N, C-alpha and C. Protein backbone atom coordinates (compact mmCIF):
# COMPACT_ATOMS: atom_id res chain seq x y z
N MET A 1 -9.09 -30.29 13.85
CA MET A 1 -10.87 -29.96 13.59
C MET A 1 -10.21 -29.04 11.97
N THR A 2 -11.29 -29.86 10.98
CA THR A 2 -11.11 -29.00 10.15
C THR A 2 -12.58 -28.78 9.34
N TYR A 3 -13.09 -27.79 8.62
CA TYR A 3 -13.89 -27.11 7.73
C TYR A 3 -13.82 -26.93 6.58
N ASP A 4 -14.91 -27.28 5.94
CA ASP A 4 -14.82 -26.97 4.48
C ASP A 4 -15.28 -25.48 4.34
N GLU A 5 -15.37 -25.41 3.26
CA GLU A 5 -15.24 -24.08 2.65
C GLU A 5 -16.26 -23.79 2.63
N GLN A 6 -17.29 -23.78 2.73
CA GLN A 6 -18.93 -23.60 2.76
C GLN A 6 -18.71 -22.59 4.29
N VAL A 7 -18.48 -23.22 5.44
CA VAL A 7 -18.42 -22.89 6.53
C VAL A 7 -17.41 -21.73 6.33
N TYR A 8 -16.27 -21.66 5.59
CA TYR A 8 -15.57 -20.29 6.04
C TYR A 8 -16.40 -19.04 4.60
N SER A 9 -16.61 -19.49 4.15
CA SER A 9 -17.57 -18.50 3.69
C SER A 9 -18.69 -18.17 4.09
N ASP A 10 -19.81 -18.67 4.58
CA ASP A 10 -20.74 -18.59 5.14
C ASP A 10 -20.75 -17.54 6.95
N TYR A 11 -19.11 -17.64 6.86
CA TYR A 11 -18.36 -16.79 7.82
C TYR A 11 -17.88 -15.57 7.85
N LEU A 12 -17.07 -15.49 6.75
CA LEU A 12 -17.11 -14.73 5.82
C LEU A 12 -18.46 -13.49 4.89
N ARG A 13 -19.37 -14.06 4.65
CA ARG A 13 -20.61 -13.15 4.78
C ARG A 13 -21.64 -12.23 5.66
N ASP A 14 -21.30 -13.38 6.58
CA ASP A 14 -22.13 -13.06 7.55
C ASP A 14 -21.03 -12.10 8.59
N LEU A 15 -19.85 -11.91 8.36
CA LEU A 15 -18.94 -11.29 9.35
C LEU A 15 -18.76 -9.73 8.04
N GLY A 16 -19.31 -9.61 7.21
CA GLY A 16 -19.27 -8.85 6.51
C GLY A 16 -20.79 -8.02 6.12
N LEU A 17 -22.15 -8.51 6.63
CA LEU A 17 -23.14 -8.17 6.26
C LEU A 17 -23.27 -7.85 7.65
N LEU A 18 -22.30 -7.69 9.23
CA LEU A 18 -22.75 -7.63 10.10
C LEU A 18 -21.65 -6.09 9.83
N VAL A 19 -20.25 -6.07 9.86
CA VAL A 19 -19.89 -4.96 10.08
C VAL A 19 -20.78 -3.94 8.49
N ARG A 20 -20.99 -4.55 7.56
CA ARG A 20 -21.49 -3.24 6.87
C ARG A 20 -23.16 -2.73 8.02
N GLU A 21 -24.14 -3.68 8.86
CA GLU A 21 -24.65 -3.40 9.47
C GLU A 21 -24.76 -2.09 10.33
N TYR A 22 -23.46 -2.17 10.70
CA TYR A 22 -23.00 -1.49 12.26
C TYR A 22 -22.40 -0.61 11.89
N ALA A 23 -21.58 0.03 10.27
CA ALA A 23 -21.01 0.60 10.08
C ALA A 23 -22.22 1.63 9.78
N LEU A 24 -22.87 1.63 8.98
CA LEU A 24 -23.97 2.57 8.33
C LEU A 24 -24.49 2.73 9.40
N GLU A 25 -25.71 2.02 10.15
CA GLU A 25 -25.70 2.62 11.85
C GLU A 25 -25.14 3.52 12.69
N ALA A 26 -23.58 3.46 12.52
CA ALA A 26 -22.39 4.33 13.20
C ALA A 26 -22.27 5.73 13.01
N LYS A 27 -22.72 5.79 10.73
CA LYS A 27 -23.04 6.97 10.33
C LYS A 27 -23.97 7.89 10.81
N ARG A 28 -25.36 7.22 10.11
CA ARG A 28 -26.84 7.77 11.23
C ARG A 28 -26.14 8.11 12.31
N HIS A 29 -26.29 7.26 14.03
CA HIS A 29 -25.54 7.92 15.33
C HIS A 29 -24.06 9.33 14.68
N GLN A 30 -23.96 8.97 13.94
CA GLN A 30 -22.68 10.13 13.60
C GLN A 30 -23.12 11.53 13.18
N ALA A 31 -24.59 11.33 12.00
CA ALA A 31 -24.80 12.10 12.15
C ALA A 31 -26.13 13.54 12.88
N GLU A 32 -26.77 12.21 13.86
CA GLU A 32 -27.43 12.72 14.64
C GLU A 32 -26.35 13.42 15.66
N ALA A 33 -25.23 13.02 15.82
CA ALA A 33 -24.39 13.48 17.29
C ALA A 33 -23.35 13.01 16.89
N ALA A 34 -22.74 14.85 15.73
CA ALA A 34 -21.57 14.40 15.74
C ALA A 34 -20.47 15.19 17.12
N THR A 35 -19.88 13.68 16.97
CA THR A 35 -19.44 14.86 18.58
C THR A 35 -17.85 13.79 17.88
N PRO A 36 -16.76 14.03 18.83
CA PRO A 36 -15.57 13.33 18.13
C PRO A 36 -14.97 12.28 18.59
N PHE A 37 -15.87 11.09 19.89
CA PHE A 37 -16.22 9.83 19.90
C PHE A 37 -16.64 9.53 18.24
N MET A 38 -18.34 10.14 18.10
CA MET A 38 -18.93 9.18 16.90
C MET A 38 -18.09 9.83 15.59
N ASP A 39 -16.91 10.76 15.75
CA ASP A 39 -16.14 11.39 13.88
C ASP A 39 -15.49 9.69 14.00
N GLY A 40 -14.58 9.37 15.45
CA GLY A 40 -13.36 7.98 15.46
C GLY A 40 -14.34 7.23 14.94
N TYR A 41 -15.18 6.89 15.98
CA TYR A 41 -15.68 5.56 15.95
C TYR A 41 -16.19 5.09 14.41
N LEU A 42 -16.78 6.40 13.39
CA LEU A 42 -17.39 6.70 12.07
C LEU A 42 -15.59 6.07 11.14
N SER A 43 -14.60 6.73 11.73
CA SER A 43 -13.29 6.95 11.13
C SER A 43 -13.50 5.25 11.29
N GLY A 44 -13.24 4.21 12.36
CA GLY A 44 -13.20 2.74 12.26
C GLY A 44 -13.43 2.06 11.09
N PHE A 45 -14.88 2.45 11.00
CA PHE A 45 -15.63 1.77 10.37
C PHE A 45 -15.25 1.58 8.90
N HIS A 46 -15.17 2.94 8.56
CA HIS A 46 -14.11 3.39 7.46
C HIS A 46 -13.03 2.26 6.92
N ARG A 47 -12.29 2.60 7.97
CA ARG A 47 -10.84 1.48 7.73
C ARG A 47 -11.21 -0.07 7.64
N ILE A 48 -12.05 -0.44 8.24
CA ILE A 48 -12.37 -2.04 8.04
C ILE A 48 -13.18 -2.23 6.86
N VAL A 49 -13.75 -1.52 6.80
CA VAL A 49 -14.55 -1.65 5.19
C VAL A 49 -13.90 -1.71 4.23
N SER A 50 -12.59 -0.51 3.98
CA SER A 50 -11.93 -0.46 2.65
C SER A 50 -11.18 -1.69 2.98
N LEU A 51 -10.40 -1.57 4.13
CA LEU A 51 -9.38 -2.64 4.49
C LEU A 51 -10.23 -4.44 3.86
N MET A 52 -11.24 -4.66 4.56
CA MET A 52 -11.97 -5.48 4.18
C MET A 52 -12.64 -5.89 2.49
N GLN A 53 -12.63 -4.57 2.07
CA GLN A 53 -13.12 -5.12 0.28
C GLN A 53 -11.40 -4.86 -0.43
N GLN A 54 -10.27 -3.67 0.06
CA GLN A 54 -9.04 -4.14 -0.76
C GLN A 54 -8.71 -5.66 -0.44
N GLN A 55 -9.16 -6.69 0.47
CA GLN A 55 -8.09 -7.63 0.40
C GLN A 55 -9.00 -8.42 -0.14
N ALA A 56 -10.23 -8.40 -0.46
CA ALA A 56 -11.08 -9.46 -1.29
C ALA A 56 -10.58 -9.53 -2.24
N GLU A 57 -10.43 -8.17 -2.76
CA GLU A 57 -10.07 -7.92 -4.51
C GLU A 57 -8.77 -8.45 -4.39
N ALA A 58 -7.78 -8.43 -3.50
CA ALA A 58 -6.15 -9.40 -4.00
C ALA A 58 -6.53 -10.66 -3.31
N PHE A 59 -7.52 -11.21 -3.04
CA PHE A 59 -8.16 -12.95 -3.18
C PHE A 59 -8.42 -13.00 -4.10
N GLY A 60 -9.06 -12.03 -4.77
CA GLY A 60 -10.18 -12.34 -6.05
C GLY A 60 -11.49 -12.59 -5.99
N LEU A 61 -12.32 -12.19 -5.01
CA LEU A 61 -13.22 -12.71 -3.94
C LEU A 61 -14.31 -10.89 -4.58
N PRO A 62 -15.59 -11.76 -4.94
CA PRO A 62 -16.37 -10.11 -5.20
C PRO A 62 -16.83 -9.79 -3.76
N PRO A 63 -17.30 -8.62 -4.19
CA PRO A 63 -17.44 -7.60 -2.83
C PRO A 63 -19.05 -8.38 -2.09
N GLU A 64 -19.64 -9.08 -2.87
CA GLU A 64 -20.77 -9.79 -2.43
C GLU A 64 -20.33 -11.68 -1.86
N ALA A 65 -19.51 -11.51 -2.30
CA ALA A 65 -19.17 -12.70 -1.53
C ALA A 65 -18.95 -13.01 0.34
N ILE A 66 -18.31 -11.49 0.68
CA ILE A 66 -17.86 -11.10 1.31
C ILE A 66 -19.17 -10.15 2.83
N GLY A 67 -20.24 -9.90 1.87
CA GLY A 67 -21.88 -9.71 2.26
C GLY A 67 -21.12 -7.47 2.19
N LEU A 68 -19.99 -7.02 1.20
CA LEU A 68 -20.10 -5.54 1.33
C LEU A 68 -19.57 -5.64 -0.44
N ASP A 69 -20.61 -5.50 -0.07
CA ASP A 69 -21.68 -4.82 -1.74
C ASP A 69 -22.72 -3.58 -1.22
N GLY A 70 -22.27 -2.60 -3.03
CA GLY A 70 -23.48 -2.03 -2.47
C GLY A 70 -22.58 -0.66 -1.72
N ILE A 71 -22.03 -0.47 -1.01
CA ILE A 71 -20.42 -0.13 0.22
C ILE A 71 -19.81 0.59 -0.49
N ASP A 72 -19.78 2.22 -0.12
CA ASP A 72 -18.26 2.57 -0.54
C ASP A 72 -18.28 3.68 0.24
N PRO A 73 -16.90 3.17 0.76
CA PRO A 73 -16.01 3.93 1.96
C PRO A 73 -16.51 5.36 1.96
N GLU A 74 -15.64 5.75 0.61
CA GLU A 74 -15.61 7.41 0.42
C GLU A 74 -16.87 7.85 0.19
N VAL A 75 -17.94 7.28 -0.08
CA VAL A 75 -19.44 7.88 -0.13
C VAL A 75 -20.05 7.84 1.20
N ASP A 76 -20.00 6.97 1.47
CA ASP A 76 -20.96 6.15 2.66
C ASP A 76 -20.61 6.18 4.06
N LEU A 77 -19.32 6.60 4.18
CA LEU A 77 -18.63 6.39 5.58
C LEU A 77 -17.91 7.65 6.27
N VAL A 78 -18.18 8.33 5.20
CA VAL A 78 -17.14 9.81 5.71
C VAL A 78 -18.42 11.32 6.40
């Protein structure tokens, strides 16, 4: 089974947008109830968003191609 490049592109962008949405939601929940669980949960999203952005850069992909433009883990997820 083969897929064209558009399928991969759509998948990455959709995944990035969902990760971004969940990460920002985790930040809101952590701000409302700062528990050790929520701190760890947010920390996990910080790591994932950072990793996805770093990998995109390494492959020459702009952040908007993976749906993670406009989010800075060091500012928005701490």
